[in-house]
Protein backbone atom coordinates (compact mmCIF):
# COMPACT_ATOMS: atom_id res chain seq x y z
CA MET A 1 8.58 60.23 -13.09
CA ARG A 2 11.42 62.64 -13.66
CA PHE A 3 14.04 62.23 -16.39
CA GLN A 4 17.72 62.98 -16.68
CA VAL A 5 20.32 62.60 -19.41
CA LEU A 6 23.60 61.02 -18.26
CA THR A 7 27.02 61.01 -19.90
CA ILE A 8 30.27 59.47 -18.73
CA VAL A 9 31.98 61.11 -21.72
CA GLY A 10 33.23 57.96 -23.38
CA HIS A 11 36.08 58.52 -25.84
CA ALA A 12 36.94 55.28 -27.59
CA PRO A 13 37.29 54.47 -31.28
CA HIS A 14 34.01 53.71 -33.05
CA PRO A 15 33.74 49.90 -32.74
CA LEU A 16 32.85 49.48 -36.44
CA THR A 17 34.84 52.22 -38.20
CA GLY A 18 37.72 52.84 -35.81
CA GLU A 19 37.15 56.59 -36.03
CA LEU A 20 37.95 58.72 -32.98
CA GLY A 21 37.16 62.42 -32.80
CA SER A 22 39.19 64.97 -30.89
CA ALA A 23 38.89 65.38 -27.14
CA ALA A 24 37.93 69.04 -27.63
CA ASP A 25 35.02 68.13 -29.91
CA ARG A 26 33.83 65.39 -27.57
CA ILE A 27 33.80 67.72 -24.58
CA ALA A 28 31.95 70.38 -26.60
CA GLU A 29 29.27 67.77 -27.37
CA VAL A 30 28.67 67.33 -23.65
CA VAL A 31 27.74 70.98 -23.23
CA GLU A 32 25.62 71.10 -26.37
CA THR A 33 23.69 68.00 -25.32
CA ALA A 34 22.96 69.56 -21.93
CA VAL A 35 21.63 72.72 -23.61
CA ALA A 36 19.41 70.56 -25.83
CA ALA A 37 18.21 68.51 -22.84
CA GLU A 38 17.07 71.68 -21.08
CA ARG A 39 15.30 72.92 -24.21
CA LEU A 40 13.52 69.58 -24.59
CA GLY A 41 12.21 69.61 -21.02
CA PHE A 42 14.41 67.05 -19.29
CA ASP A 43 14.61 67.58 -15.55
CA ALA A 44 18.33 66.94 -15.03
CA TYR A 45 21.66 66.48 -16.78
CA ALA A 46 24.36 64.34 -15.20
CA VAL A 47 28.09 63.97 -15.82
CA GLY A 48 29.93 60.94 -14.50
CA GLU A 49 33.44 60.79 -13.11
CA ARG A 50 36.04 58.33 -14.39
CA HIS A 51 39.79 58.35 -13.85
CA ALA A 52 40.67 55.19 -15.76
CA GLY A 53 39.72 53.83 -19.14
CA PRO A 54 38.61 55.59 -22.36
CA PHE A 55 36.73 58.49 -20.81
CA LEU A 56 37.07 62.28 -20.63
CA SER A 57 35.13 62.76 -17.41
CA SER A 58 37.93 63.05 -14.85
CA SER A 59 36.87 66.66 -14.05
CA PRO A 60 33.07 66.73 -13.81
CA THR A 61 33.13 69.98 -11.86
CA VAL A 62 34.72 71.73 -14.86
CA LEU A 63 32.22 70.22 -17.29
CA LEU A 64 29.25 71.04 -15.06
CA GLY A 65 30.53 74.60 -14.65
CA ALA A 66 30.42 74.98 -18.44
CA VAL A 67 26.92 73.51 -18.49
CA ALA A 68 25.77 75.77 -15.66
CA ALA A 69 26.90 78.81 -17.64
CA ARG A 70 24.83 77.75 -20.67
CA THR A 71 21.62 76.70 -18.87
CA THR A 72 19.18 78.25 -16.42
CA ARG A 73 16.66 75.64 -15.28
CA ILE A 74 17.86 72.06 -15.61
CA ARG A 75 19.24 70.36 -12.49
CA LEU A 76 22.88 69.35 -12.66
CA LEU A 77 23.89 66.00 -11.18
CA THR A 78 26.96 63.82 -11.04
CA GLY A 79 26.94 60.17 -11.93
CA VAL A 80 28.91 59.48 -9.83
CA THR A 81 31.22 61.64 -7.78
CA VAL A 82 33.90 59.12 -6.81
CA LEU A 83 34.01 60.26 -3.20
CA ALA A 84 36.02 57.23 -2.07
CA ILE A 85 39.17 58.54 -3.81
CA LEU A 86 38.67 62.29 -3.15
CA ASP A 87 39.30 64.73 -0.32
CA PRO A 88 35.93 65.70 1.20
CA VAL A 89 37.19 69.24 1.85
CA ARG A 90 37.87 69.75 -1.84
CA VAL A 91 34.56 68.11 -2.80
CA ALA A 92 32.72 70.45 -0.44
CA GLU A 93 34.46 73.51 -1.90
CA ASP A 94 34.12 72.57 -5.56
CA TYR A 95 30.47 71.57 -5.50
CA ALA A 96 29.43 74.46 -3.26
CA THR A 97 31.04 76.72 -5.86
CA LEU A 98 28.99 74.99 -8.56
CA ASP A 99 25.92 75.31 -6.36
CA GLN A 100 26.48 79.06 -6.20
CA LEU A 101 27.25 79.31 -9.92
CA SER A 102 24.08 77.43 -10.86
CA ARG A 103 22.00 79.12 -8.13
CA GLY A 104 21.07 75.95 -6.33
CA ARG A 105 20.78 73.43 -9.18
CA ILE A 106 23.54 71.02 -8.10
CA GLU A 107 22.93 67.54 -6.65
CA LEU A 108 25.57 64.85 -6.13
CA VAL A 109 25.41 61.13 -6.68
CA VAL A 110 28.31 59.73 -4.66
CA GLY A 111 29.88 56.30 -5.01
CA LYS A 112 33.09 54.33 -4.93
CA GLY A 113 33.19 54.30 -8.74
CA ALA A 114 32.93 51.69 -11.48
CA GLU A 115 36.58 51.52 -12.60
CA ALA A 116 38.89 49.35 -10.56
CA GLY A 117 42.00 51.23 -11.73
CA HIS A 118 41.36 54.52 -10.02
CA PHE A 119 42.40 53.34 -6.56
CA ASP A 120 45.90 52.54 -7.79
CA LEU A 121 46.02 55.85 -9.67
CA PHE A 122 45.41 57.77 -6.44
CA GLY A 123 47.63 55.54 -4.33
CA LEU A 124 44.76 54.05 -2.33
CA ASP A 125 43.95 50.54 -1.16
CA GLU A 126 40.95 49.14 -3.07
CA ASP A 127 40.24 46.77 -0.16
CA LEU A 128 39.34 49.82 1.95
CA GLN A 129 36.93 51.34 -0.59
CA TRP A 130 33.84 51.11 1.60
CA GLU A 131 35.65 52.44 4.65
CA TYR A 132 36.84 55.40 2.56
CA GLN A 133 33.31 55.99 1.33
CA ALA A 134 31.64 55.97 4.74
CA GLU A 135 34.21 58.17 6.49
CA LYS A 136 34.48 60.71 3.69
CA TYR A 137 30.74 61.04 3.32
CA GLU A 138 30.30 61.67 7.04
CA LEU A 139 32.85 64.50 6.81
CA LEU A 140 31.31 65.98 3.66
CA ARG A 141 27.92 66.18 5.37
CA ARG A 142 29.40 68.03 8.33
CA LEU A 143 31.36 70.48 6.17
CA TRP A 144 28.18 71.53 4.35
CA ARG A 145 26.03 71.72 7.47
CA GLU A 146 28.39 73.19 10.06
CA GLU A 147 30.95 75.94 10.47
CA GLY A 148 34.00 75.56 12.67
CA VAL A 149 34.23 71.79 12.15
CA SER A 150 36.69 69.84 14.28
CA TRP A 151 37.14 66.28 13.07
CA GLU A 152 39.55 63.35 13.15
CA GLY A 153 39.47 60.16 11.08
CA ARG A 154 41.62 57.46 9.51
CA PHE A 155 42.17 58.70 5.98
CA ARG A 156 43.11 62.39 6.06
CA PRO A 157 44.72 64.82 8.52
CA PRO A 158 42.49 66.12 11.33
CA LEU A 159 40.53 69.35 11.03
CA LYS A 160 40.28 71.97 13.73
CA ASP A 161 37.66 74.74 13.59
CA ALA A 162 37.41 74.45 9.78
CA THR A 163 34.82 76.29 7.70
CA VAL A 164 34.80 75.64 3.95
CA VAL A 165 33.84 78.41 1.56
CA PRO A 166 31.81 79.17 -0.34
CA ARG A 167 28.88 77.91 1.62
CA PRO A 168 26.11 76.14 -0.35
CA TYR A 169 23.74 78.44 -2.22
CA GLY A 170 20.46 77.82 -0.43
CA PRO A 171 19.29 77.28 3.13
CA ARG A 172 19.91 73.54 2.68
CA PRO A 173 23.01 71.90 1.23
CA PRO A 174 22.81 70.12 -2.13
CA ARG A 175 20.94 66.86 -2.09
CA VAL A 176 23.23 63.82 -2.13
CA TRP A 177 22.19 60.52 -3.71
CA HIS A 178 24.11 57.27 -3.21
CA GLY A 179 25.03 55.31 -6.31
CA SER A 180 24.27 51.60 -5.96
CA ALA A 181 25.47 48.89 -8.34
CA THR A 182 26.45 45.62 -6.64
CA SER A 183 26.79 45.95 -2.88
CA LEU A 184 24.48 46.52 0.07
CA ASN A 185 26.95 49.07 1.47
CA SER A 186 25.62 52.04 -0.52
CA PRO A 187 21.92 51.30 0.17
CA GLU A 188 22.78 50.96 3.86
CA LEU A 189 24.67 54.27 3.94
CA ALA A 190 21.86 56.06 2.08
CA ALA A 191 19.24 54.64 4.43
CA ARG A 192 21.23 55.59 7.52
CA TYR A 193 21.31 59.26 6.56
CA GLY A 194 17.86 59.42 4.98
CA ASP A 195 19.30 60.12 1.53
CA PRO A 196 17.98 58.99 -1.85
CA LEU A 197 19.42 56.00 -3.72
CA PHE A 198 20.47 55.84 -7.37
CA SER A 199 20.50 52.34 -8.83
CA ALA A 200 22.95 51.72 -11.68
CA ASN A 201 20.41 49.44 -13.41
CA ALA A 202 23.13 48.75 -15.95
CA VAL A 203 24.70 45.34 -16.52
CA GLN A 204 23.04 42.98 -14.04
CA PRO A 205 19.61 41.34 -14.25
CA ARG A 206 16.78 43.45 -12.89
CA GLU A 207 16.34 41.21 -9.84
CA ALA A 208 19.79 42.14 -8.55
CA TYR A 209 18.95 45.85 -8.47
CA ALA A 210 15.49 45.21 -7.02
CA ARG A 211 17.16 43.40 -4.11
CA LEU A 212 19.41 46.40 -3.36
CA ILE A 213 16.49 48.82 -3.58
CA GLY A 214 14.35 46.61 -1.35
CA HIS A 215 17.10 46.55 1.26
CA TYR A 216 17.37 50.36 1.06
CA ARG A 217 13.65 50.90 1.65
CA GLU A 218 13.54 48.44 4.52
CA ARG A 219 16.52 50.03 6.26
CA PHE A 220 15.38 53.59 5.46
CA GLU A 221 12.23 53.06 7.51
CA ALA A 222 14.12 51.13 10.21
CA TYR A 223 16.35 54.17 10.73
CA GLY A 224 13.20 56.23 11.41
CA HIS A 225 12.92 58.19 8.16
CA ASP A 226 9.63 58.94 6.41
CA PRO A 227 9.31 56.26 3.69
CA ARG A 228 7.62 58.80 1.41
CA THR A 229 10.99 60.51 1.03
CA ALA A 230 12.90 57.35 0.06
CA TYR A 231 13.48 58.53 -3.49
CA VAL A 232 15.09 56.16 -5.98
CA GLY A 233 16.73 56.84 -9.34
CA ALA A 234 17.55 54.23 -11.97
CA GLY A 235 20.00 54.20 -14.82
CA SER A 236 19.57 52.42 -18.13
CA GLY A 237 21.50 51.22 -21.12
CA GLY A 238 21.79 53.24 -24.30
CA LEU A 239 18.73 54.86 -25.84
CA PHE A 240 17.78 54.04 -29.43
CA VAL A 241 14.23 54.90 -30.53
CA ALA A 242 12.88 53.77 -33.90
CA ASP A 243 9.44 53.46 -35.47
CA SER A 244 9.40 49.74 -34.73
CA THR A 245 11.43 47.31 -32.68
CA ARG A 246 12.38 45.47 -35.87
CA GLU A 247 13.85 48.67 -37.28
CA ALA A 248 15.70 49.45 -34.03
CA VAL A 249 17.25 45.98 -33.91
CA ALA A 250 18.22 46.07 -37.60
CA ARG A 251 19.85 49.50 -37.32
CA PHE A 252 21.54 49.00 -33.96
CA LYS A 253 22.56 45.33 -33.94
CA ASP A 254 26.02 45.54 -35.53
CA TYR A 255 27.05 48.57 -33.48
CA TYR A 256 25.72 47.20 -30.19
CA GLU A 257 27.39 43.82 -30.49
CA ALA A 258 30.68 45.32 -31.67
CA ARG A 259 30.66 47.67 -28.69
CA VAL A 260 30.00 44.78 -26.29
CA ARG A 261 33.10 43.05 -27.67
CA GLN A 262 35.11 46.30 -27.45
CA THR A 263 34.23 47.00 -23.82
CA HIS A 264 34.50 43.43 -22.53
CA ARG A 265 37.10 43.21 -19.77
CA PRO A 266 38.37 39.62 -19.44
CA HIS A 267 40.42 40.42 -16.32
CA LEU A 268 37.19 41.36 -14.53
CA GLU A 269 35.24 38.30 -15.66
CA GLY A 270 32.96 37.12 -12.88
CA ARG A 271 32.96 40.39 -10.96
CA PRO A 272 29.39 41.74 -10.90
CA GLY A 273 28.83 45.15 -12.39
CA TYR A 274 31.51 45.09 -15.07
CA ASN A 275 30.79 42.87 -18.11
CA THR A 276 27.28 42.85 -19.52
CA PRO A 277 25.60 39.44 -19.80
CA PHE A 278 23.41 40.79 -22.63
CA ARG A 279 25.73 39.96 -25.52
CA THR A 280 23.24 40.26 -28.41
CA VAL A 281 20.98 43.20 -29.16
CA GLU A 282 17.95 40.88 -29.09
CA ASP A 283 18.82 39.84 -25.53
CA ALA A 284 19.40 43.47 -24.54
CA VAL A 285 15.99 44.46 -25.92
CA ALA A 286 14.18 41.57 -24.23
CA HIS A 287 15.97 41.38 -20.88
CA GLY A 288 18.57 44.13 -20.46
CA PRO A 289 18.35 47.71 -19.20
CA HIS A 290 18.76 49.17 -22.70
CA LEU A 291 16.00 51.40 -24.04
CA ILE A 292 15.98 50.09 -27.60
CA GLY A 293 12.83 49.79 -29.70
CA SER A 294 9.62 51.53 -30.57
CA PRO A 295 8.30 54.31 -28.31
CA GLN A 296 5.69 51.94 -26.87
CA GLN A 297 8.25 49.24 -26.17
CA ILE A 298 10.44 51.75 -24.33
CA ILE A 299 7.45 53.05 -22.36
CA ASP A 300 6.61 49.48 -21.36
CA LYS A 301 10.21 48.80 -20.30
CA ILE A 302 10.47 51.92 -18.12
CA LEU A 303 7.13 51.13 -16.50
CA GLY A 304 8.43 47.59 -15.98
CA PHE A 305 11.43 49.06 -14.18
CA HIS A 306 9.02 51.13 -12.12
CA ALA A 307 7.01 48.05 -11.16
CA SER A 308 10.21 46.49 -9.81
CA TYR A 309 11.88 49.57 -8.33
CA GLY A 310 9.17 52.14 -7.61
CA HIS A 311 11.68 54.70 -8.82
CA ASP A 312 11.19 58.43 -9.21
CA LEU A 313 14.00 59.42 -11.60
CA GLN A 314 14.87 57.64 -14.84
CA SER A 315 18.24 58.26 -16.43
CA VAL A 316 18.84 57.87 -20.16
CA THR A 317 22.11 57.77 -22.07
CA VAL A 318 22.26 58.73 -25.73
CA ASP A 319 25.97 59.05 -26.49
CA THR A 320 26.76 55.32 -26.44
CA SER A 321 24.82 54.58 -29.63
CA GLY A 322 27.39 55.55 -32.25
CA LEU A 323 25.21 58.38 -33.53
CA SER A 324 26.31 61.87 -34.50
CA LEU A 325 25.42 64.75 -32.17
CA PRO A 326 22.41 65.87 -34.30
CA GLU A 327 21.15 62.28 -34.34
CA GLN A 328 21.57 62.01 -30.56
CA ILE A 329 19.54 65.17 -30.06
CA ASP A 330 16.86 63.79 -32.39
CA GLN A 331 16.72 60.71 -30.16
CA LEU A 332 16.28 62.87 -27.07
CA ALA A 333 13.55 64.83 -28.84
CA ARG A 334 11.64 61.64 -29.67
CA PHE A 335 12.00 60.50 -26.07
CA ALA A 336 10.79 63.86 -24.73
CA GLU A 337 7.82 64.02 -27.10
CA GLU A 338 6.67 60.41 -27.43
CA ILE A 339 7.79 58.59 -24.27
CA ALA A 340 8.28 60.94 -21.31
CA PRO A 341 4.71 62.36 -21.19
CA VAL A 342 3.17 58.89 -20.97
CA VAL A 343 5.54 57.71 -18.24
CA ARG A 344 5.14 60.94 -16.27
CA ARG A 345 1.39 60.40 -16.27
CA GLU A 346 1.56 56.72 -15.33
CA ALA A 347 4.25 57.07 -12.64
CA PRO A 348 3.84 60.39 -10.77
CA THR A 349 6.36 61.48 -8.13
CA THR A 350 6.85 64.24 -5.59
CA LEU A 351 10.60 64.43 -6.33
CA TRP A 352 11.66 68.06 -6.88
CA ARG A 353 8.25 69.27 -5.77
CA GLU A 354 9.12 69.30 -2.08
CA PRO A 355 8.84 72.61 -0.25
């Protein structure tokens, strides 16, 4: 198993105290957490992209550029790049620049995004989100693999003999994962191109994600790709490690349940992938994707995910727990020291060991 730290740079008032720090301080925390993640031995650090709601992650390329300048080893991912609303030419340029800056450490997770409001913000039709995604991804692949591209599609002006610069850093373009939350469209697109899949593993029951991953693996092989390269990543809820599950529940209960109330979106009630069904911390510990509890309980939960998903990369999120930055880094240290070594041993992978 490999491990990454993910942030979507939430910036909402504390659900219990109402406190809200400055945007500048919140963004600085992102970079400092990435530096700590590298020091602690995590394999990757990911920054999401949101253009609506209480987030500061509308420019992940800028944030990842700052992280690249402060790190040397850790892989840098997105989570996700909202390709459906972006121009593939600009995506190719920006992330190839980051690939050069980081000397080949960039990988993308592309998706149509988890905030319904961003289609209106960019003047796009939400009903066409999957058509946008498929067409734009096809063009992005060509721009990174070919020079002198001539292309014509539905959603942007044609290209004639176009070569984007800079070119990607290495002999192969950055790896692209496909973010999967609720629909079979992303698993199908990933399987078609032989790309890895990243399951949100966030607010639905585990069985829903297992169904999407199962479809991906079935179609991956049907398209003629080597099933040994069908890599899968999985997200998780917030991380909160304590000496015992009782202590974790006692310390985290009020914050967790207040945050569930704060983030509930009544206008999206019934739409999968938006409102968590795990309304109490006890339910989240027992049945949800959250990594809350003793080190052994978290080990058991991740290995339970692995039994369902067969995944290679586990993502953890530490900045949704209401903790200060030093406390968040302490949580990551406990995870790196007490949890990751056991899971690595029990669930080996060839991810990031390929020639």
